[in-house]
Amino acid sequence: MTDARQPAIIAKGLCKSFGEVKVLVDVDLSVPEGTVFALLGPNGAGKTTVVRILSTLISADAGTASVAGHDVVRDSDGVRTTIGVTGQFSALDELLTGEENLRLMADLNHLGPAAGRSRVAELLDRFELAEAARRPVATHSGGMKRRLDLAMTLVGTPTVIFLDEPTTGLDPRSRRMMWTIIRDLVAGGVTIFLTTQYLEEADQLADRVAVLDQGKLVAEGSPDELKRRIPGAHVQLQFAQPQDLESAARLLGTGSQDSARLTLHIPTSGEVSSLRRLLDQIDDARIVASQVSIHTPDLDDVFFAVTGHSASKDGAST
């Protein structure tokens, strides 16, 4: 189904090389406003290069791009007034307090004294940083620093935010707190362009996912669309008695059985109707299954299928 929302980000034919190395090759992107778009890829795939081009930090060798209606080359100032960027590495001054970092950003955004104090107080409260506001950032935990980094991005109330691997190195609790913040931003109409190596993160947050490998887009779609393209979905039937396993295998005539674990794997489309027919068959035959579970491919399977390697492949970050 076509998304009726206007695109917040459009890129066509982006190319970029560093010396003899082609980092991006004819990359096309379209990100609807008020959504999360996740760009996946191993280190060195070109994810950060895409962010740097779209945020006007570097120029492409070829192709065009616009953000919030502003051309990244002809109207770079217009782009910068509408975006926020949280990079892989913290942009915080660790000798200052959290409050001082935010006040500095408020000054850079030309907020007046009263408006600046109000915005800083609001963000400290929103990101659960008020209690540590007057402590040097050097004393903050990794999760607190990432939340403060994102809070600084929001001082200027951007409509499009680029998050370049924002949860790298965070513990599970801090990562999930960041996910909640991202969901709240999108609920408020902000567009999020997310790069990540955490496939669970993309699955949890993204409306659409694109996979970048060696500078080329090799797959794009919603997480569910991408997973449906990969074979391997099956229903696993667990039995308490060997005779029930054998009876089910003869009845169904497809799949593979594991006699040691008393399980039978039946290929499935994942649709509810096909699962219902399967269960009706064994129920009508008075075969007792002690447990039923559905196994479907995840984004890791998708990533491996379209790139030939896992998402944790090492390499230079570009």
Protein backbone atom coordinates (compact mmCIF):
# COMPACT_ATOMS: atom_id res chain seq x y z
CA MET A 1 0.00 0.00 0.00
CA THR A 2 1.31 3.44 -0.93
CA ASP A 3 2.03 5.78 1.98
CA ALA A 4 -0.07 8.94 1.60
CA ARG A 5 2.31 11.05 3.69
CA GLN A 6 4.66 13.47 2.00
CA PRO A 7 8.32 12.42 1.84
CA ALA A 8 10.53 14.11 4.41
CA ILE A 9 13.69 12.79 2.72
CA ILE A 10 14.26 12.05 -0.96
CA ALA A 11 17.53 10.85 -2.47
CA LYS A 12 18.10 9.82 -6.07
CA GLY A 13 21.21 8.27 -7.54
CA LEU A 14 23.59 9.15 -4.71
CA CYS A 15 27.19 8.22 -5.47
CA LYS A 16 30.28 8.82 -3.38
CA SER A 17 33.87 7.67 -3.64
CA PHE A 18 36.87 8.22 -1.41
CA GLY A 19 39.86 7.87 -3.67
CA GLU A 20 39.48 4.63 -5.58
CA VAL A 21 36.93 3.23 -3.12
CA LYS A 22 33.27 3.49 -4.18
CA VAL A 23 31.35 4.01 -0.96
CA LEU A 24 27.87 4.68 -2.42
CA VAL A 25 26.57 3.52 -5.79
CA ASP A 26 23.27 4.92 -7.14
CA VAL A 27 21.43 4.99 -3.82
CA ASP A 28 17.72 5.94 -3.99
CA LEU A 29 15.71 6.64 -0.82
CA SER A 30 12.30 8.04 0.04
CA VAL A 31 11.29 8.49 3.68
CA PRO A 32 7.69 9.54 4.53
CA GLU A 33 7.33 12.22 7.19
CA GLY A 34 6.49 11.11 10.71
CA THR A 35 8.05 7.63 10.30
CA VAL A 36 11.17 5.74 11.31
CA PHE A 37 13.40 4.67 8.43
CA ALA A 38 16.19 2.25 9.35
CA LEU A 39 19.28 1.86 7.21
CA LEU A 40 21.04 -1.42 7.98
CA GLY A 41 24.48 -2.57 6.97
CA PRO A 42 27.78 -3.81 8.35
CA ASN A 43 30.59 -1.42 9.20
CA GLY A 44 31.95 -0.01 5.97
CA ALA A 45 28.68 -0.40 4.07
CA GLY A 46 28.23 3.37 3.65
CA LYS A 47 25.55 4.12 6.25
CA THR A 48 27.36 7.03 7.89
CA THR A 49 28.24 8.45 4.48
CA VAL A 50 24.53 8.61 3.62
CA VAL A 51 23.84 10.47 6.87
CA ARG A 52 26.68 12.90 6.27
CA ILE A 53 25.42 13.71 2.77
CA LEU A 54 21.80 14.17 3.84
CA SER A 55 22.84 16.35 6.79
CA THR A 56 25.01 18.55 4.49
CA LEU A 57 28.30 17.59 6.16
CA ILE A 58 29.76 16.34 2.87
CA SER A 59 28.60 16.47 -0.75
CA ALA A 60 27.81 13.56 -3.03
CA ASP A 61 29.80 13.00 -6.20
CA ALA A 62 26.56 12.49 -8.12
CA GLY A 63 22.81 12.38 -7.50
CA THR A 64 20.37 14.68 -5.72
CA ALA A 65 18.81 14.81 -2.27
CA SER A 66 16.35 16.94 -0.36
CA VAL A 67 15.36 17.04 3.30
CA ALA A 68 12.08 18.62 4.44
CA GLY A 69 11.76 20.16 0.97
CA HIS A 70 15.24 21.74 1.00
CA ASP A 71 17.90 20.69 -1.51
CA VAL A 72 21.00 19.57 0.40
CA VAL A 73 23.31 21.46 -1.99
CA ARG A 74 21.36 24.51 -3.18
CA ASP A 75 19.64 25.14 0.18
CA SER A 76 21.95 23.62 2.77
CA ASP A 77 21.09 26.34 5.30
CA GLY A 78 17.42 25.44 4.96
CA VAL A 79 18.24 21.78 5.63
CA ARG A 80 20.23 22.67 8.75
CA THR A 81 17.38 24.67 10.23
CA THR A 82 15.05 21.65 10.10
CA ILE A 83 17.29 18.75 11.14
CA GLY A 84 19.02 17.36 14.20
CA VAL A 85 21.95 14.93 14.10
CA THR A 86 23.07 12.52 16.80
CA GLY A 87 26.24 10.85 15.58
CA GLN A 88 28.01 7.66 16.58
CA PHE A 89 30.24 9.56 18.98
CA SER A 90 29.14 11.91 21.72
CA ALA A 91 29.17 15.65 20.98
CA LEU A 92 29.17 16.52 24.67
CA ASP A 93 31.67 18.64 26.60
CA GLU A 94 32.38 16.35 29.53
CA LEU A 95 33.89 19.16 31.63
CA LEU A 96 30.53 20.94 31.64
CA THR A 97 27.40 19.82 33.43
CA GLY A 98 24.44 18.42 31.54
CA GLU A 99 22.54 21.64 32.10
CA GLU A 100 25.45 23.71 30.81
CA ASN A 101 25.70 21.62 27.65
CA LEU A 102 22.01 22.18 26.95
CA ARG A 103 22.24 25.91 27.70
CA LEU A 104 25.14 26.18 25.26
CA MET A 105 23.03 24.52 22.58
CA ALA A 106 20.12 26.85 23.39
CA ASP A 107 22.44 29.84 22.85
CA LEU A 108 23.65 28.39 19.54
CA ASN A 109 20.00 28.08 18.46
CA HIS A 110 19.46 31.76 19.35
CA LEU A 111 16.86 31.08 22.00
CA GLY A 112 16.39 34.00 24.36
CA PRO A 113 17.34 33.66 28.06
CA ALA A 114 13.81 32.87 29.22
CA ALA A 115 12.99 30.55 26.32
CA GLY A 116 16.37 28.86 26.69
CA ARG A 117 15.91 28.17 30.41
CA SER A 118 12.42 26.83 29.77
CA ARG A 119 13.57 24.53 26.95
CA VAL A 120 16.53 23.22 28.96
CA ALA A 121 14.33 22.46 31.98
CA GLU A 122 11.78 20.72 29.76
CA LEU A 123 14.39 18.49 28.11
CA LEU A 124 16.12 17.61 31.39
CA ASP A 125 12.81 16.46 32.77
CA ARG A 126 11.74 14.67 29.59
CA PHE A 127 14.95 12.66 29.39
CA GLU A 128 15.08 11.91 33.14
CA LEU A 129 18.28 13.91 33.58
CA ALA A 130 17.09 16.56 36.05
CA GLU A 131 18.69 14.97 39.11
CA ALA A 132 22.11 14.82 37.41
CA ALA A 133 21.75 18.18 35.63
CA ARG A 134 24.44 19.94 37.67
CA ARG A 135 26.96 17.12 37.68
CA PRO A 136 29.86 17.10 35.18
CA VAL A 137 28.99 14.97 32.16
CA ALA A 138 32.19 12.97 32.79
CA THR A 139 30.39 11.38 35.77
CA HIS A 140 27.37 10.29 33.72
CA SER A 141 26.74 6.70 32.63
CA GLY A 142 26.82 5.73 28.95
CA GLY A 143 23.03 5.70 28.76
CA MET A 144 22.75 9.14 30.36
CA LYS A 145 25.28 10.56 27.91
CA ARG A 146 23.34 9.22 24.92
CA ARG A 147 20.09 10.65 26.28
CA LEU A 148 21.78 14.01 26.85
CA ASP A 149 23.25 13.86 23.34
CA LEU A 150 19.75 13.36 21.90
CA ALA A 151 18.31 16.07 24.17
CA MET A 152 20.86 18.52 22.73
CA THR A 153 19.70 17.58 19.24
CA LEU A 154 16.14 18.48 20.23
CA VAL A 155 16.87 21.96 21.59
CA GLY A 156 16.11 23.46 18.19
CA THR A 157 12.90 21.37 17.73
CA PRO A 158 13.95 19.67 14.46
CA THR A 159 11.39 17.97 12.24
CA VAL A 160 13.88 15.42 10.88
CA ILE A 161 16.45 13.69 13.11
CA PHE A 162 19.37 11.55 11.96
CA LEU A 163 20.38 8.97 14.54
CA ASP A 164 23.62 7.27 13.54
CA GLU A 165 23.87 4.06 15.60
CA PRO A 166 22.47 5.82 18.69
CA THR A 167 22.41 2.80 21.01
CA THR A 168 25.82 1.28 20.29
CA GLY A 169 27.42 0.19 23.55
CA LEU A 170 24.34 0.73 25.70
CA ASP A 171 23.03 -1.85 28.15
CA PRO A 172 19.61 -3.39 27.38
CA ARG A 173 17.72 -1.10 29.80
CA SER A 174 19.26 2.07 28.37
CA ARG A 175 18.65 0.84 24.83
CA ARG A 176 14.96 0.26 25.52
CA MET A 177 14.69 3.68 27.14
CA MET A 178 16.08 5.19 23.93
CA TRP A 179 13.53 3.21 21.93
CA THR A 180 10.73 4.72 24.02
CA ILE A 181 12.09 8.22 23.40
CA ILE A 182 12.27 7.57 19.65
CA ARG A 183 8.70 6.28 19.55
CA ASP A 184 7.50 9.37 21.43
CA LEU A 185 9.28 11.66 18.96
CA VAL A 186 7.64 9.94 15.99
CA ALA A 187 4.25 10.09 17.68
CA GLY A 188 4.80 13.85 17.81
CA GLY A 189 5.36 14.00 14.04
CA VAL A 190 9.17 13.89 13.89
CA THR A 191 10.82 11.86 11.11
CA ILE A 192 13.66 9.59 12.25
CA PHE A 193 16.42 8.36 9.94
CA LEU A 194 18.12 5.59 11.90
CA THR A 195 21.29 3.68 11.11
CA THR A 196 21.94 0.62 13.21
CA GLN A 197 23.63 -2.76 13.33
CA TYR A 198 21.10 -4.03 15.87
CA LEU A 199 18.52 -5.86 13.77
CA GLU A 200 16.14 -6.17 16.72
CA GLU A 201 16.24 -2.37 16.99
CA ALA A 202 15.19 -1.95 13.37
CA ASP A 203 12.48 -4.59 13.79
CA GLN A 204 11.10 -2.84 16.89
CA LEU A 205 11.19 0.74 15.62
CA ALA A 206 11.21 1.00 11.84
CA ASP A 207 8.27 1.52 9.51
CA ARG A 208 10.61 0.77 6.61
CA VAL A 209 14.02 -0.84 6.42
CA ALA A 210 16.71 -0.66 3.73
CA VAL A 211 19.79 -2.86 3.63
CA LEU A 212 23.01 -1.30 2.35
CA ASP A 213 25.89 -3.55 1.35
CA GLN A 214 29.14 -2.40 -0.25
CA GLY A 215 27.53 0.92 -1.10
CA LYS A 216 24.46 -0.51 -2.82
CA LEU A 217 20.88 -0.89 -1.62
CA VAL A 218 20.16 -4.60 -1.81
CA ALA A 219 16.71 -4.73 -0.17
CA GLU A 220 13.98 -2.39 1.05
CA GLY A 221 10.54 -2.75 2.59
CA SER A 222 8.73 -2.97 5.89
CA PRO A 223 10.27 -5.45 8.36
CA ASP A 224 7.37 -7.86 7.77
CA GLU A 225 7.65 -7.54 3.98
CA LEU A 226 11.34 -8.34 4.06
CA LYS A 227 10.88 -11.32 6.35
CA ARG A 228 8.13 -12.75 4.14
CA ARG A 229 10.56 -12.84 1.21
CA ILE A 230 12.80 -15.32 2.99
CA PRO A 231 11.87 -19.02 2.96
CA GLY A 232 12.06 -21.07 6.13
CA ALA A 233 8.84 -20.31 8.03
CA HIS A 234 7.52 -23.44 9.68
CA VAL A 235 5.20 -24.75 12.36
CA GLN A 236 6.85 -26.91 14.99
CA LEU A 237 4.68 -29.61 16.55
CA GLN A 238 5.96 -31.16 19.78
CA PHE A 239 4.65 -34.59 20.83
CA ALA A 240 4.77 -36.48 24.10
CA GLN A 241 4.60 -39.94 22.50
CA PRO A 242 6.62 -41.36 19.55
CA GLN A 243 3.47 -42.90 18.05
CA ASP A 244 1.80 -39.49 17.87
CA LEU A 245 4.84 -38.11 16.01
CA GLU A 246 4.76 -40.99 13.52
CA SER A 247 1.00 -40.67 13.01
CA ALA A 248 1.27 -36.92 12.37
CA ALA A 249 4.14 -37.41 9.93
CA ARG A 250 2.14 -39.97 7.94
CA LEU A 251 -1.00 -37.82 8.00
CA LEU A 252 0.62 -34.57 6.90
CA GLY A 253 3.12 -36.10 4.49
CA THR A 254 5.38 -33.04 4.46
CA GLY A 255 8.04 -31.53 6.66
CA SER A 256 10.85 -33.07 8.64
CA GLN A 257 10.79 -34.91 11.92
CA ASP A 258 13.25 -35.13 14.77
CA SER A 259 12.66 -38.46 16.52
CA ALA A 260 15.00 -37.63 19.39
CA ARG A 261 13.14 -34.43 20.27
CA LEU A 262 9.73 -35.75 19.17
CA THR A 263 9.17 -32.71 16.94
CA LEU A 264 7.76 -32.29 13.45
CA HIS A 265 8.50 -29.21 11.32
CA ILE A 266 5.85 -28.32 8.74
CA PRO A 267 6.52 -25.54 6.16
CA THR A 268 3.98 -22.73 6.39
CA SER A 269 3.11 -19.41 4.77
CA GLY A 270 2.59 -17.96 8.24
CA GLU A 271 -1.09 -17.23 7.57
CA VAL A 272 -3.61 -17.93 10.32
CA SER A 273 -5.85 -19.90 7.94
CA SER A 274 -3.07 -22.38 7.07
CA LEU A 275 -2.26 -22.90 10.76
CA ARG A 276 -5.94 -23.49 11.52
CA ARG A 277 -6.21 -26.13 8.77
CA LEU A 278 -3.11 -27.89 10.08
CA LEU A 279 -4.41 -28.03 13.64
CA ASP A 280 -7.84 -29.18 12.44
CA GLN A 281 -6.19 -32.06 10.55
CA ILE A 282 -4.37 -33.46 13.55
CA ASP A 283 -7.34 -32.83 15.83
CA ASP A 284 -9.72 -34.70 13.48
CA ALA A 285 -7.25 -37.60 13.44
CA ARG A 286 -7.18 -37.59 17.26
CA ILE A 287 -3.45 -36.99 17.34
CA VAL A 288 -2.27 -35.19 20.47
CA ALA A 289 0.36 -32.45 20.10
CA SER A 290 1.70 -31.24 23.43
CA GLN A 291 3.01 -27.94 22.06
CA VAL A 292 2.69 -25.86 18.89
CA SER A 293 5.00 -22.99 17.92
CA ILE A 294 5.49 -20.90 14.79
CA HIS A 295 8.98 -20.05 13.60
CA THR A 296 9.47 -17.29 11.03
CA PRO A 297 12.62 -15.72 9.56
CA ASP A 298 13.88 -12.61 11.34
CA LEU A 299 15.80 -9.62 10.01
CA ASP A 300 19.06 -11.43 10.65
CA ASP A 301 17.91 -14.10 8.17
CA VAL A 302 16.96 -11.34 5.72
CA PHE A 303 20.33 -9.65 6.14
CA PHE A 304 22.25 -12.86 5.56
CA ALA A 305 20.11 -13.76 2.55
CA VAL A 306 20.67 -10.45 0.74
CA THR A 307 24.31 -9.81 1.72
CA GLY A 308 25.80 -13.25 2.27
CA HIS A 309 27.13 -12.31 5.72
CA SER A 310 25.84 -11.33 9.16
CA ALA A 311 25.17 -7.76 10.28
CA SER A 312 28.14 -7.84 12.63
CA LYS A 313 30.73 -8.07 9.84
CA ASP A 314 33.76 -6.05 10.81
CA GLY A 315 35.17 -3.26 8.73
CA ALA A 316 35.91 0.43 8.60
CA SER A 317 32.97 2.62 9.48
CA THR A 318 31.91 4.81 6.57
